[in-house]
Amino acid sequence: MTGGAVPQDRSAQRTSGISGMPAPSAHIRAVAFDLDGTLVDSAPDLAASANAMLEALGHARLPEGRVAALIGNGVDRLVEGVLAASAGRAAEAKPLAAAAALFRRCYAERLFDRSRVYPGVVEGLEALAAMGVARCCITNKASAFTLPLLDAAGLSGRLAFALCADRQEERKPAPDMLLAACLRLGVAPGELLYVGDSRVDIGAARAAGCPVAVVDYGYHQGFPLATLDPDWIIGSLADLPMLTSMPSIANPQT
């Protein structure tokens, strides 16, 4: 897919760029972003950390793409999946906890060594800021990694705040963090657009009552985007200024 946004209930329509940058829809007053796979391609460093952990534990390394398919549900689930994929069996609780602690140490050493900000991210954030649209990050990544990663990527100053799933019960697809962001920003759920790359992002937005867009890059965990029924699929965050003036399933305009 090239640039442009596809409203899923009007699949024949496409935008053709962001020239003119129309004013945001009256329905969309704020945009929240997932982190891994949406703002930052963090798979290279996550995979390097996972493989450093595997080697230290005497297990076989995994290809980066195999690790990338496990991203999106927090460190514990990532480590659980990596160990199962490498060893061919599920890890028991005590070894799993030790492996997760080792992974955290490995990842803290290389948060932004090979990771990169996706093309269009800075442009999209700057355009939304110029339009007066509030911006924040909502991620299943722990705050111990999220905050320094956003700093290293040069994105902290472009976002009002970041909400992180430091407690298991808050992890997406639970709506808690999205609803907390709405309260903090002073907007209704229908006025907060959530932008992510996976089914847990769509699930969280649906549970919170927020419209949702997914990027056609990132880590889809093996699920075709169209089958996940987002309101929009976009090719770049640079498309967001145009997207916020388009109709969607969640916020139809008449």
Foldseek 3Di string as FASTA:
>chain_A
DDFWKAQLVRRVDTDDACPPLDFFDPQAQAEEEEPDFTFKPQLVLLLVLLQVLQVVVVWDRDDSVQLQLQPAFELLSSLQSSCCVGVVHGDDDVVSVVSSVSSVVSSVVPLPVPMATDPQNVLLLVSCVVSNRAYEYEGQYDPVRVVVSCVVRVNPVSHPYYHYCPDNVCTFVDQVVVVVVCVVVVHQQQRYEYEEAELRSVSNSVNRLYAYEYEPTGHHSPDPPSVSDHSMYGPHSNNVSVVSHDATPSRGDD
